[in-house]
Protein backbone atom coordinates (compact mmCIF):
# COMPACT_ATOMS: atom_id res chain seq x y z
CA UNK A 1 -90.03 -106.17 7.53
CA UNK A 2 -87.03 -104.13 6.52
CA UNK A 3 -88.98 -100.92 6.76
CA UNK A 4 -90.14 -101.77 10.25
CA UNK A 5 -86.59 -102.57 11.28
CA UNK A 6 -85.30 -99.28 9.94
CA UNK A 7 -88.09 -97.37 11.70
CA UNK A 8 -87.26 -99.13 14.93
CA UNK A 9 -83.57 -98.16 14.64
CA UNK A 10 -84.47 -94.56 13.95
CA UNK A 11 -86.76 -94.49 16.99
CA UNK A 12 -83.95 -95.88 19.16
CA UNK A 13 -81.54 -93.33 17.79
CA UNK A 14 -83.98 -90.53 18.61
CA UNK A 15 -84.44 -91.81 22.17
CA UNK A 16 -80.66 -92.01 22.68
CA UNK A 17 -80.22 -88.52 21.25
CA UNK A 18 -82.84 -87.12 23.65
CA UNK A 19 -81.07 -88.74 26.59
CA UNK A 20 -77.75 -87.23 25.51
CA UNK A 21 -79.41 -83.85 25.02
CA UNK A 22 -80.88 -83.95 28.52
CA UNK A 23 -77.48 -84.89 29.94
CA UNK A 24 -75.85 -81.95 28.12
CA UNK A 25 -78.55 -79.53 29.33
CA UNK A 26 -78.18 -80.79 32.89
CA UNK A 27 -74.39 -80.46 32.74
CA UNK A 28 -74.68 -76.90 31.40
CA UNK A 29 -77.15 -76.08 34.18
CA UNK A 30 -74.77 -77.36 36.85
CA UNK A 31 -71.85 -75.38 35.40
CA UNK A 32 -73.94 -72.20 35.18
CA UNK A 33 -75.07 -72.65 38.79
CA UNK A 34 -71.47 -73.07 39.99
CA UNK A 35 -70.38 -69.99 38.05
CA UNK A 36 -73.31 -67.97 39.42
CA UNK A 37 -72.62 -69.12 42.98
CA UNK A 38 -68.93 -68.23 42.70
CA UNK A 39 -69.68 -64.80 41.27
CA UNK A 40 -72.32 -64.21 43.91
CA UNK A 41 -69.82 -64.88 46.69
CA UNK A 42 -67.36 -62.50 45.08
CA UNK A 43 -69.94 -59.71 45.00
CA UNK A 44 -70.13 -59.45 41.21
CA UNK A 45 -73.76 -60.57 41.07
CA UNK A 46 -74.89 -58.44 43.99
CA UNK A 47 -77.41 -55.74 43.21
CA UNK A 48 -75.16 -52.90 42.12
CA UNK A 49 -77.21 -50.25 43.88
CA UNK A 50 -77.26 -52.20 47.16
CA UNK A 51 -73.57 -52.98 46.92
CA UNK A 52 -72.64 -49.35 46.23
CA UNK A 53 -74.86 -48.20 49.08
CA UNK A 54 -73.31 -50.65 51.56
CA UNK A 55 -69.75 -49.76 50.55
CA UNK A 56 -70.33 -45.99 50.46
CA UNK A 57 -71.97 -46.04 53.87
CA UNK A 58 -69.08 -48.10 55.25
CA UNK A 59 -66.61 -45.54 53.91
CA UNK A 60 -68.59 -42.68 55.45
CA UNK A 61 -68.80 -44.44 58.82
CA UNK A 62 -65.07 -45.22 58.79
CA UNK A 63 -64.33 -41.56 58.04
CA UNK A 64 -66.23 -40.48 61.14
CA UNK A 65 -64.40 -43.07 63.24
CA UNK A 66 -61.06 -41.79 61.92
CA UNK A 67 -62.11 -38.27 62.96
CA UNK A 68 -62.93 -39.41 66.48
CA UNK A 69 -59.73 -41.45 66.80
CA UNK A 70 -57.68 -38.39 65.84
CA UNK A 71 -59.46 -36.13 68.33
CA UNK A 72 -57.31 -35.26 71.35
CA UNK A 73 -60.22 -35.18 73.79
CA UNK A 74 -60.93 -38.04 76.18
CA UNK A 75 -64.60 -38.30 75.21
CA UNK A 76 -66.66 -37.06 72.30
CA UNK A 77 -69.84 -38.09 70.51
CA UNK A 78 -70.79 -37.56 66.87
CA UNK A 79 -74.30 -37.88 65.49
CA UNK A 80 -74.82 -39.06 61.95
CA UNK A 81 -76.96 -41.41 59.87
CA UNK A 82 -76.06 -44.91 58.80
CA UNK A 83 -77.86 -47.15 56.33
CA UNK A 84 -77.35 -50.81 55.50
CA UNK A 85 -79.33 -52.89 52.94
CA UNK A 86 -81.12 -56.04 54.12
CA UNK A 87 -78.62 -58.47 52.58
CA UNK A 88 -75.58 -57.02 54.34
CA UNK A 89 -73.96 -57.21 57.77
CA UNK A 90 -71.61 -54.73 59.43
CA UNK A 91 -69.00 -56.20 61.80
CA UNK A 92 -66.53 -54.30 63.95
CA UNK A 93 -63.34 -56.20 64.83
CA UNK A 94 -61.22 -54.78 67.64
CA UNK A 95 -57.44 -54.94 67.68
CA UNK A 96 -57.61 -57.47 70.52
CA UNK A 97 -60.98 -59.16 70.73
CA UNK A 98 -61.83 -60.69 74.06
CA UNK A 99 -64.17 -63.65 74.21
CA UNK A 100 -65.90 -65.38 71.31
CA UNK A 101 -67.10 -63.24 68.45
CA UNK A 102 -70.46 -64.52 67.31
CA UNK A 103 -73.84 -63.32 66.19
CA UNK A 104 -76.89 -63.76 68.39
CA UNK A 105 -78.97 -63.77 65.22
CA UNK A 106 -77.92 -67.33 64.38
CA UNK A 107 -75.39 -68.15 67.13
CA UNK A 108 -72.73 -68.41 64.43
CA UNK A 109 -69.06 -67.73 65.16
CA UNK A 110 -67.61 -64.91 63.06
CA UNK A 111 -63.95 -65.06 64.04
CA UNK A 112 -63.09 -67.59 61.31
CA UNK A 113 -64.29 -65.13 58.68
CA UNK A 114 -62.11 -62.34 59.99
CA UNK A 115 -59.66 -61.30 57.23
CA UNK A 116 -55.97 -61.97 57.92
CA UNK A 117 -55.15 -58.37 57.09
CA UNK A 118 -56.86 -57.20 60.28
CA UNK A 119 -55.82 -59.91 62.71
CA UNK A 120 -53.81 -57.38 64.73
CA UNK A 121 -55.70 -54.30 63.62
CA UNK A 122 -59.12 -52.88 64.25
CA UNK A 123 -61.40 -52.88 61.23
CA UNK A 124 -64.95 -52.35 60.09
CA UNK A 125 -66.12 -54.92 57.56
CA UNK A 126 -69.16 -55.41 55.35
CA UNK A 127 -70.35 -58.94 54.60
CA UNK A 128 -73.04 -60.21 52.33
CA UNK A 129 -75.51 -62.29 54.33
CA UNK A 130 -74.78 -65.63 52.67
CA UNK A 131 -77.72 -67.29 54.43
CA UNK A 132 -80.21 -64.79 53.08
CA UNK A 133 -82.60 -62.56 54.97
CA UNK A 134 -84.94 -65.44 55.85
CA UNK A 135 -82.22 -67.72 57.22
CA UNK A 136 -81.98 -68.65 60.88
CA UNK A 137 -79.86 -71.81 60.50
CA UNK A 138 -76.49 -70.24 61.23
CA UNK A 139 -75.04 -69.86 57.75
CA UNK A 140 -74.78 -66.07 57.51
CA UNK A 141 -70.97 -66.23 57.48
CA UNK A 142 -70.70 -69.81 56.17
CA UNK A 143 -70.25 -72.82 58.42
CA UNK A 144 -66.47 -72.99 58.02
CA UNK A 145 -65.82 -69.27 57.76
CA UNK A 146 -65.14 -69.43 54.04
CA UNK A 147 -67.03 -66.23 53.30
CA UNK A 148 -64.80 -63.17 53.33
CA UNK A 149 -65.86 -59.55 53.77
CA UNK A 150 -66.78 -57.65 50.63
CA UNK A 151 -64.83 -54.67 51.94
CA UNK A 152 -63.01 -53.61 55.12
CA UNK A 153 -61.74 -50.30 56.47
CA UNK A 154 -58.65 -50.57 58.70
CA UNK A 155 -57.44 -48.48 61.62
CA UNK A 156 -53.93 -48.14 62.99
CA UNK A 157 -55.16 -47.02 66.40
CA UNK A 158 -56.06 -49.53 69.12
CA UNK A 159 -59.80 -49.25 68.63
CA UNK A 160 -62.37 -51.37 70.43
CA UNK A 161 -65.73 -51.43 68.66
CA UNK A 162 -68.74 -51.85 70.92
CA UNK A 163 -72.51 -51.72 70.70
CA UNK A 164 -75.02 -51.38 73.56
CA UNK A 165 -77.28 -54.21 74.63
CA UNK A 166 -79.95 -53.36 72.10
CA UNK A 167 -82.08 -55.68 69.91
CA UNK A 168 -81.02 -53.76 66.82
CA UNK A 169 -77.45 -55.04 67.26
CA UNK A 170 -76.89 -58.79 67.07
CA UNK A 171 -73.40 -59.25 68.46
CA UNK A 172 -72.87 -61.49 71.48
CA UNK A 173 -71.78 -59.93 74.81
CA UNK A 174 -68.12 -58.90 74.98
CA UNK A 175 -65.73 -58.72 77.92
CA UNK A 176 -64.59 -55.28 76.80
CA UNK A 177 -66.00 -52.22 78.55
CA UNK A 178 -64.69 -48.75 79.34
CA UNK A 179 -63.87 -48.29 83.01
CA UNK A 180 -65.84 -45.05 82.83
CA UNK A 181 -68.97 -47.13 82.18
CA UNK A 182 -68.19 -50.09 84.41
CA UNK A 183 -71.85 -50.63 85.29
CA UNK A 184 -72.87 -50.99 81.64
CA UNK A 185 -72.65 -54.06 79.45
CA UNK A 186 -71.75 -54.11 75.77
CA UNK A 187 -71.88 -56.38 72.77
CA UNK A 188 -69.65 -56.95 69.79
CA UNK A 189 -70.54 -54.63 66.95
CA UNK A 190 -72.60 -56.83 64.61
CA UNK A 191 -75.33 -54.98 62.76
CA UNK A 192 -77.67 -56.72 60.32
CA UNK A 193 -79.62 -55.08 57.54
CA UNK A 194 -82.20 -57.58 58.69
CA UNK A 195 -81.78 -60.61 60.93
CA UNK A 196 -83.50 -63.71 59.50
CA UNK A 197 -87.22 -64.41 59.39
CA UNK A 198 -90.15 -62.58 57.83
CA UNK A 199 -91.23 -60.71 60.95
CA UNK A 200 -87.93 -58.92 61.48
CA UNK A 201 -87.61 -55.19 60.95
CA UNK A 202 -85.11 -53.85 58.45
CA UNK A 203 -82.51 -51.41 59.71
CA UNK A 204 -82.90 -49.20 56.67
CA UNK A 205 -81.40 -45.79 57.42
CA UNK A 206 -81.24 -44.64 61.02
CA UNK A 207 -79.69 -41.96 63.14
CA UNK A 208 -76.75 -43.24 65.15
CA UNK A 209 -74.44 -41.93 67.81
CA UNK A 210 -70.72 -42.65 67.62
CA UNK A 211 -69.16 -42.20 71.04
CA UNK A 212 -65.43 -42.01 71.56
CA UNK A 213 -64.00 -42.92 74.99
CA UNK A 214 -60.21 -42.89 75.36
CA UNK A 215 -58.60 -44.79 78.20
CA UNK A 216 -54.83 -45.12 78.11
CA UNK A 217 -53.95 -46.58 74.70
CA UNK A 218 -57.44 -47.92 74.04
CA UNK A 219 -60.03 -46.01 72.03
CA UNK A 220 -63.54 -47.30 72.64
CA UNK A 221 -65.92 -46.56 69.77
CA UNK A 222 -69.50 -47.17 70.87
CA UNK A 223 -72.09 -47.13 68.09
CA UNK A 224 -75.74 -46.90 69.13
CA UNK A 225 -79.12 -46.39 67.49
CA UNK A 226 -80.56 -42.97 68.36
CA UNK A 227 -83.68 -43.17 66.27
CA UNK A 228 -85.06 -46.28 67.98
CA UNK A 229 -88.17 -47.19 65.97
CA UNK A 230 -88.22 -44.10 63.76
CA UNK A 231 -86.38 -44.45 60.48
CA UNK A 232 -84.89 -41.54 58.64
CA UNK A 233 -85.47 -41.51 54.92
CA UNK A 234 -82.94 -40.02 52.62
């Protein structure tokens, strides 16, 4: 009887130990997930190649915009190429945005995610698509605007970033428009690497036009896709 009692106690001890072990493993899993999620939001866990590509292309685009802003002419257009990986989004904030900045991809408002450092300045910003490339639920920029840009380029000039009414650009319509093109309509500059769903087409690398229209103190920078359906590899 004593042997049976001892065996029973050992069995109970083993069962309790297994429960504790499972609790420890679960706790470690939760901690690791929180650490991973935090690092992912900060950009540390992003694919290094994709991150470098997105940032380098942002820098190159900003350089061309600086060139146009410094030009003394009233109108000028540059042609270049611009690439953006699927998991990233380019947003152009104007020095004085009119209307509600949102994305037509998910109908999500972007203004809350605008960095404080460019509240009164124009800036081009790169975001990681926090909802993922298959998301259509409106979480690309986080519901409460918690997600911040991975990187922004700032401009001292009074620049207004615009995009044409084109399916490749996902910004909502804006009230801004150059008087020179009063009959045209424009959208906020919101460009996705890919906008949610499996049937969407990636932007990849495409030829773009960067048009500069100066009217009084305003500098309208209109970015459009020149390649249409043809992608440029490189």
